[in-house]
Amino acid sequence: MEWSPVLERTILARFKTNIPNLRIIQCYVPTETTDKDMKEKFYEQLHETKNTVEKRDVIIGMGDMNAKIG
């Protein structure tokens, strides 16, 4: 139905299904060696993204939870 990039590491997609609509939050979490401020910003944005999903939609969070980009 729709998709939108949230940050360089996160995308939110919405799919129409026979049951309630499905939202997938695909993300690449900063590694443990990443700057603390950058990790905090990422998790704050992830929380805000989750809160934008309509209550009746099903959410699936997926991705690489310890990725190194680049």
PDB file of N, CA and C in Angstrom:
ATOM      1  N   MET A   1       0.818  -1.193   0.000  1.00  0.00           N
ATOM      2  CA  MET A   1       0.000   0.000   0.000  1.00  0.00           C
ATOM      3  C   MET A   1       0.861   1.256   0.000  1.00  0.00           C
ATOM      4  N   GLU A   2       1.889   1.259   0.848  1.00  0.00           N
ATOM      5  CA  GLU A   2       2.749   2.440   0.935  1.00  0.00           C
ATOM      6  C   GLU A   2       4.050   2.071   1.637  1.00  0.00           C
ATOM      7  N   TRP A   3       5.049   2.917   1.477  1.00  0.00           N
ATOM      8  CA  TRP A   3       6.304   2.769   2.195  1.00  0.00           C
ATOM      9  C   TRP A   3       6.917   4.146   2.365  1.00  0.00           C
ATOM     10  N   SER A   4       7.761   4.280   3.374  1.00  0.00           N
ATOM     11  CA  SER A   4       8.447   5.555   3.575  1.00  0.00           C
ATOM     12  C   SER A   4       9.765   5.318   4.303  1.00  0.00           C
ATOM     13  N   PRO A   5      10.820   5.972   3.827  1.00  0.00           N
ATOM     14  CA  PRO A   5      12.085   5.894   4.561  1.00  0.00           C
ATOM     15  C   PRO A   5      11.974   6.759   5.815  1.00  0.00           C
ATOM     16  N   VAL A   6      12.490   6.267   6.913  1.00  0.00           N
ATOM     17  CA  VAL A   6      12.437   7.020   8.170  1.00  0.00           C
ATOM     18  C   VAL A   6      13.781   7.682   8.416  1.00  0.00           C
ATOM     19  N   LEU A   7      14.820   6.907   8.437  1.00  0.00           N
ATOM     20  CA  LEU A   7      16.197   7.369   8.549  1.00  0.00           C
ATOM     21  C   LEU A   7      17.011   6.557   7.550  1.00  0.00           C
ATOM     22  N   GLU A   8      18.297   6.805   7.487  1.00  0.00           N
ATOM     23  CA  GLU A   8      19.131   6.032   6.558  1.00  0.00           C
ATOM     24  C   GLU A   8      19.167   4.555   6.928  1.00  0.00           C
ATOM     25  N   ARG A   9      18.775   4.206   8.135  1.00  0.00           N
ATOM     26  CA  ARG A   9      18.818   2.815   8.590  1.00  0.00           C
ATOM     27  C   ARG A   9      17.432   2.183   8.758  1.00  0.00           C
ATOM     28  N   THR A  10      16.357   2.909   8.483  1.00  0.00           N
ATOM     29  CA  THR A  10      15.014   2.412   8.781  1.00  0.00           C
ATOM     30  C   THR A  10      14.027   2.740   7.670  1.00  0.00           C
ATOM     31  N   ILE A  11      13.148   1.772   7.379  1.00  0.00           N
ATOM     32  CA  ILE A  11      12.073   1.987   6.424  1.00  0.00           C
ATOM     33  C   ILE A  11      10.795   1.403   7.027  1.00  0.00           C
ATOM     34  N   LEU A  12       9.669   2.037   6.739  1.00  0.00           N
ATOM     35  CA  LEU A  12       8.365   1.587   7.212  1.00  0.00           C
ATOM     36  C   LEU A  12       7.515   1.271   5.996  1.00  0.00           C
ATOM     37  N   ALA A  13       6.994   0.053   5.922  1.00  0.00           N
ATOM     38  CA  ALA A  13       6.167  -0.357   4.790  1.00  0.00           C
ATOM     39  C   ALA A  13       4.823  -0.854   5.301  1.00  0.00           C
ATOM     40  N   ARG A  14       3.766  -0.620   4.515  1.00  0.00           N
ATOM     41  CA  ARG A  14       2.413  -1.055   4.882  1.00  0.00           C
ATOM     42  C   ARG A  14       1.857  -1.920   3.764  1.00  0.00           C
ATOM     43  N   PHE A  15       1.315  -3.089   4.148  1.00  0.00           N
ATOM     44  CA  PHE A  15       0.779  -4.042   3.188  1.00  0.00           C
ATOM     45  C   PHE A  15      -0.671  -4.356   3.504  1.00  0.00           C
ATOM     46  N   LYS A  16      -1.476  -4.509   2.466  1.00  0.00           N
ATOM     47  CA  LYS A  16      -2.873  -4.892   2.641  1.00  0.00           C
ATOM     48  C   LYS A  16      -2.931  -6.414   2.705  1.00  0.00           C
ATOM     49  N   THR A  17      -3.600  -6.947   3.730  1.00  0.00           N
ATOM     50  CA  THR A  17      -3.747  -8.386   3.893  1.00  0.00           C
ATOM     51  C   THR A  17      -5.212  -8.707   4.156  1.00  0.00           C
ATOM     52  N   ASN A  18      -5.546  -9.986   4.233  1.00  0.00           N
ATOM     53  CA  ASN A  18      -6.919 -10.402   4.523  1.00  0.00           C
ATOM     54  C   ASN A  18      -7.305 -10.103   5.960  1.00  0.00           C
ATOM     55  N   ILE A  19      -6.342 -10.090   6.826  1.00  0.00           N
ATOM     56  CA  ILE A  19      -6.551  -9.696   8.213  1.00  0.00           C
ATOM     57  C   ILE A  19      -6.204  -8.215   8.308  1.00  0.00           C
ATOM     58  N   PRO A  20      -6.048  -7.643   9.487  1.00  0.00           N
ATOM     59  CA  PRO A  20      -5.683  -6.219   9.535  1.00  0.00           C
ATOM     60  C   PRO A  20      -4.426  -5.930   8.708  1.00  0.00           C
ATOM     61  N   ASN A  21      -4.282  -4.686   8.305  1.00  0.00           N
ATOM     62  CA  ASN A  21      -3.112  -4.302   7.509  1.00  0.00           C
ATOM     63  C   ASN A  21      -1.826  -4.613   8.270  1.00  0.00           C
ATOM     64  N   LEU A  22      -0.779  -4.877   7.529  1.00  0.00           N
ATOM     65  CA  LEU A  22       0.507  -5.287   8.087  1.00  0.00           C
ATOM     66  C   LEU A  22       1.522  -4.174   7.905  1.00  0.00           C
ATOM     67  N   ARG A  23       2.211  -3.801   8.964  1.00  0.00           N
ATOM     68  CA  ARG A  23       3.310  -2.831   8.900  1.00  0.00           C
ATOM     69  C   ARG A  23       4.602  -3.555   9.207  1.00  0.00           C
ATOM     70  N   ILE A  24       5.586  -3.340   8.370  1.00  0.00           N
ATOM     71  CA  ILE A  24       6.920  -3.894   8.619  1.00  0.00           C
ATOM     72  C   ILE A  24       7.878  -2.733   8.838  1.00  0.00           C
ATOM     73  N   ILE A  25       8.583  -2.784   9.952  1.00  0.00           N
ATOM     74  CA  ILE A  25       9.646  -1.822  10.234  1.00  0.00           C
ATOM     75  C   ILE A  25      10.953  -2.563  10.000  1.00  0.00           C
ATOM     76  N   GLN A  26      11.623  -2.227   8.902  1.00  0.00           N
ATOM     77  CA  GLN A  26      12.893  -2.850   8.536  1.00  0.00           C
ATOM     78  C   GLN A  26      14.007  -1.898   8.966  1.00  0.00           C
ATOM     79  N   CYS A  27      14.930  -2.392   9.787  1.00  0.00           N
ATOM     80  CA  CYS A  27      15.967  -1.483  10.269  1.00  0.00           C
ATOM     81  C   CYS A  27      17.309  -2.192  10.407  1.00  0.00           C
ATOM     82  N   TYR A  28      18.342  -1.395  10.400  1.00  0.00           N
ATOM     83  CA  TYR A  28      19.707  -1.835  10.637  1.00  0.00           C
ATOM     84  C   TYR A  28      20.209  -1.088  11.862  1.00  0.00           C
ATOM     85  N   VAL A  29      20.261  -1.787  12.973  1.00  0.00           N
ATOM     86  CA  VAL A  29      20.604  -1.184  14.258  1.00  0.00           C
ATOM     87  C   VAL A  29      22.097  -0.865  14.294  1.00  0.00           C
ATOM     88  N   PRO A  30      22.478   0.303  14.840  1.00  0.00           N
ATOM     89  CA  PRO A  30      23.902   0.623  14.980  1.00  0.00           C
ATOM     90  C   PRO A  30      24.616  -0.427  15.836  1.00  0.00           C
ATOM     91  N   THR A  31      25.870  -0.693  15.512  1.00  0.00           N
ATOM     92  CA  THR A  31      26.650  -1.678  16.264  1.00  0.00           C
ATOM     93  C   THR A  31      27.015  -1.144  17.645  1.00  0.00           C
ATOM     94  N   GLU A  32      27.472  -2.038  18.473  1.00  0.00           N
ATOM     95  CA  GLU A  32      27.840  -1.686  19.845  1.00  0.00           C
ATOM     96  C   GLU A  32      28.960  -0.640  19.883  1.00  0.00           C
ATOM     97  N   THR A  33      29.810  -0.601  18.870  1.00  0.00           N
ATOM     98  CA  THR A  33      30.927   0.342  18.863  1.00  0.00           C
ATOM     99  C   THR A  33      30.524   1.738  18.378  1.00  0.00           C
ATOM    100  N   THR A  34      29.286   1.904  17.946  1.00  0.00           N
ATOM    101  CA  THR A  34      28.803   3.206  17.469  1.00  0.00           C
ATOM    102  C   THR A  34      28.685   4.180  18.633  1.00  0.00           C
ATOM    103  N   ASP A  35      28.865   5.461  18.336  1.00  0.00           N
ATOM    104  CA  ASP A  35      28.745   6.525  19.319  1.00  0.00           C
ATOM    105  C   ASP A  35      27.414   6.430  20.064  1.00  0.00           C
ATOM    106  N   LYS A  36      27.448   6.617  21.370  1.00  0.00           N
ATOM    107  CA  LYS A  36      26.259   6.487  22.223  1.00  0.00           C
ATOM    108  C   LYS A  36      25.132   7.421  21.783  1.00  0.00           C
ATOM    109  N   ASP A  37      25.451   8.665  21.421  1.00  0.00           N
ATOM    110  CA  ASP A  37      24.425   9.616  20.993  1.00  0.00           C
ATOM    111  C   ASP A  37      23.721   9.141  19.723  1.00  0.00           C
ATOM    112  N   MET A  38      24.481   8.554  18.804  1.00  0.00           N
ATOM    113  CA  MET A  38      23.903   8.056  17.561  1.00  0.00           C
ATOM    114  C   MET A  38      22.957   6.883  17.839  1.00  0.00           C
ATOM    115  N   LYS A  39      23.349   5.996  18.748  1.00  0.00           N
ATOM    116  CA  LYS A  39      22.494   4.867  19.114  1.00  0.00           C
ATOM    117  C   LYS A  39      21.217   5.355  19.782  1.00  0.00           C
ATOM    118  N   GLU A  40      21.327   6.330  20.679  1.00  0.00           N
ATOM    119  CA  GLU A  40      20.148   6.863  21.353  1.00  0.00           C
ATOM    120  C   GLU A  40      19.189   7.514  20.356  1.00  0.00           C
ATOM    121  N   LYS A  41      19.738   8.261  19.403  1.00  0.00           N
ATOM    122  CA  LYS A  41      18.913   8.891  18.369  1.00  0.00           C
ATOM    123  C   LYS A  41      18.178   7.820  17.556  1.00  0.00           C
ATOM    124  N   PHE A  42      18.891   6.748  17.205  1.00  0.00           N
ATOM    125  CA  PHE A  42      18.278   5.668  16.441  1.00  0.00           C
ATOM    126  C   PHE A  42      17.102   5.063  17.209  1.00  0.00           C
ATOM    127  N   TYR A  43      17.305   4.715  18.477  1.00  0.00           N
ATOM    128  CA  TYR A  43      16.244   4.075  19.254  1.00  0.00           C
ATOM    129  C   TYR A  43      15.077   5.024  19.524  1.00  0.00           C
ATOM    130  N   GLU A  44      15.345   6.301  19.702  1.00  0.00           N
ATOM    131  CA  GLU A  44      14.254   7.275  19.846  1.00  0.00           C
ATOM    132  C   GLU A  44      13.416   7.328  18.575  1.00  0.00           C
ATOM    133  N   GLN A  45      14.088   7.366  17.424  1.00  0.00           N
ATOM    134  CA  GLN A  45      13.373   7.418  16.148  1.00  0.00           C
ATOM    135  C   GLN A  45      12.591   6.121  15.909  1.00  0.00           C
ATOM    136  N   LEU A  46      13.154   4.995  16.286  1.00  0.00           N
ATOM    137  CA  LEU A  46      12.460   3.715  16.138  1.00  0.00           C
ATOM    138  C   LEU A  46      11.190   3.698  16.996  1.00  0.00           C
ATOM    139  N   HIS A  47      11.294   4.189  18.207  1.00  0.00           N
ATOM    140  CA  HIS A  47      10.132   4.274  19.101  1.00  0.00           C
ATOM    141  C   HIS A  47       9.062   5.196  18.511  1.00  0.00           C
ATOM    142  N   GLU A  48       9.466   6.344  17.994  1.00  0.00           N
ATOM    143  CA  GLU A  48       8.516   7.277  17.370  1.00  0.00           C
ATOM    144  C   GLU A  48       7.854   6.644  16.151  1.00  0.00           C
ATOM    145  N   THR A  49       8.624   5.915  15.363  1.00  0.00           N
ATOM    146  CA  THR A  49       8.081   5.245  14.178  1.00  0.00           C
ATOM    147  C   THR A  49       7.032   4.225  14.585  1.00  0.00           C
ATOM    148  N   LYS A  50       7.326   3.439  15.600  1.00  0.00           N
ATOM    149  CA  LYS A  50       6.374   2.441  16.091  1.00  0.00           C
ATOM    150  C   LYS A  50       5.080   3.106  16.545  1.00  0.00           C
ATOM    151  N   ASN A  51       5.188   4.263  17.164  1.00  0.00           N
ATOM    152  CA  ASN A  51       4.007   4.956  17.674  1.00  0.00           C
ATOM    153  C   ASN A  51       3.155   5.576  16.571  1.00  0.00           C
ATOM    154  N   THR A  52       3.676   5.705  15.346  1.00  0.00           N
ATOM    155  CA  THR A  52       2.889   6.263  14.246  1.00  0.00           C
ATOM    156  C   THR A  52       1.978   5.228  13.598  1.00  0.00           C
ATOM    157  N   VAL A  53       2.205   3.956  13.906  1.00  0.00           N
ATOM    158  CA  VAL A  53       1.416   2.878  13.302  1.00  0.00           C
ATOM    159  C   VAL A  53       0.009   2.892  13.889  1.00  0.00           C
ATOM    160  N   GLU A  54      -0.983   2.753  13.015  1.00  0.00           N
ATOM    161  CA  GLU A  54      -2.369   2.719  13.463  1.00  0.00           C
ATOM    162  C   GLU A  54      -2.585   1.528  14.394  1.00  0.00           C
ATOM    163  N   LYS A  55      -3.416   1.707  15.405  1.00  0.00           N
ATOM    164  CA  LYS A  55      -3.635   0.684  16.431  1.00  0.00           C
ATOM    165  C   LYS A  55      -4.117  -0.634  15.848  1.00  0.00           C
ATOM    166  N   ARG A  56      -4.878  -0.597  14.762  1.00  0.00           N
ATOM    167  CA  ARG A  56      -5.447  -1.833  14.211  1.00  0.00           C
ATOM    168  C   ARG A  56      -4.469  -2.592  13.302  1.00  0.00           C
ATOM    169  N   ASP A  57      -3.345  -1.975  12.946  1.00  0.00           N
ATOM    170  CA  ASP A  57      -2.354  -2.633  12.095  1.00  0.00           C
ATOM    171  C   ASP A  57      -1.479  -3.585  12.914  1.00  0.00           C
ATOM    172  N   VAL A  58      -1.044  -4.659  12.284  1.00  0.00           N
ATOM    173  CA  VAL A  58      -0.104  -5.603  12.888  1.00  0.00           C
ATOM    174  C   VAL A  58       1.305  -5.118  12.555  1.00  0.00           C
ATOM    175  N   ILE A  59       2.214  -5.129  13.546  1.00  0.00           N
ATOM    176  CA  ILE A  59       3.588  -4.655  13.342  1.00  0.00           C
ATOM    177  C   ILE A  59       4.553  -5.843  13.383  1.00  0.00           C
ATOM    178  N   ILE A  60       5.452  -5.876  12.404  1.00  0.00           N
ATOM    179  CA  ILE A  60       6.569  -6.826  12.424  1.00  0.00           C
ATOM    180  C   ILE A  60       7.849  -6.007  12.336  1.00  0.00           C
ATOM    181  N   GLY A  61       8.698  -6.172  13.323  1.00  0.00           N
ATOM    182  CA  GLY A  61      10.001  -5.515  13.309  1.00  0.00           C
ATOM    183  C   GLY A  61      11.045  -6.505  12.833  1.00  0.00           C
ATOM    184  N   MET A  62      11.819  -6.112  11.840  1.00  0.00           N
ATOM    185  CA  MET A  62      12.834  -7.021  11.319  1.00  0.00           C
ATOM    186  C   MET A  62      14.052  -6.241  10.848  1.00  0.00           C
ATOM    187  N   GLY A  63      15.135  -6.953  10.688  1.00  0.00           N
ATOM    188  CA  GLY A  63      16.345  -6.317  10.215  1.00  0.00           C
ATOM    189  C   GLY A  63      17.581  -6.942  10.810  1.00  0.00           C
ATOM    190  N   ASP A  64      18.688  -6.276  10.598  1.00  0.00           N
ATOM    191  CA  ASP A  64      19.974  -6.724  11.128  1.00  0.00           C
ATOM    192  C   ASP A  64      20.204  -5.964  12.417  1.00  0.00           C
ATOM    193  N   MET A  65      20.207  -6.659  13.520  1.00  0.00           N
ATOM    194  CA  MET A  65      20.269  -6.000  14.814  1.00  0.00           C
ATOM    195  C   MET A  65      21.687  -5.716  15.307  1.00  0.00           C
ATOM    196  N   ASN A  66      22.681  -5.934  14.463  1.00  0.00           N
ATOM    197  CA  ASN A  66      24.046  -5.564  14.801  1.00  0.00           C
ATOM    198  C   ASN A  66      24.824  -5.350  13.504  1.00  0.00           C
ATOM    199  N   ALA A  67      24.304  -4.458  12.673  1.00  0.00           N
ATOM    200  CA  ALA A  67      24.834  -4.275  11.318  1.00  0.00           C
ATOM    201  C   ALA A  67      25.999  -3.302  11.264  1.00  0.00           C
ATOM    202  N   LYS A  68      26.851  -3.515  10.270  1.00  0.00           N
ATOM    203  CA  LYS A  68      27.901  -2.560   9.940  1.00  0.00           C
ATOM    204  C   LYS A  68      27.636  -2.121   8.498  1.00  0.00           C
ATOM    205  N   ILE A  69      27.314  -0.844   8.319  1.00  0.00           N
ATOM    206  CA  ILE A  69      26.989  -0.301   7.011  1.00  0.00           C
ATOM    207  C   ILE A  69      28.239   0.333   6.411  1.00  0.00           C
ATOM    208  N   GLY A  70      28.466   0.080   5.115  1.00  0.00           N
ATOM    209  CA  GLY A  70      29.553   0.768   4.428  1.00  0.00           C
ATOM    210  C   GLY A  70      30.813   0.005   4.282  1.00  0.00           C
TER     211      GLY A  70
END
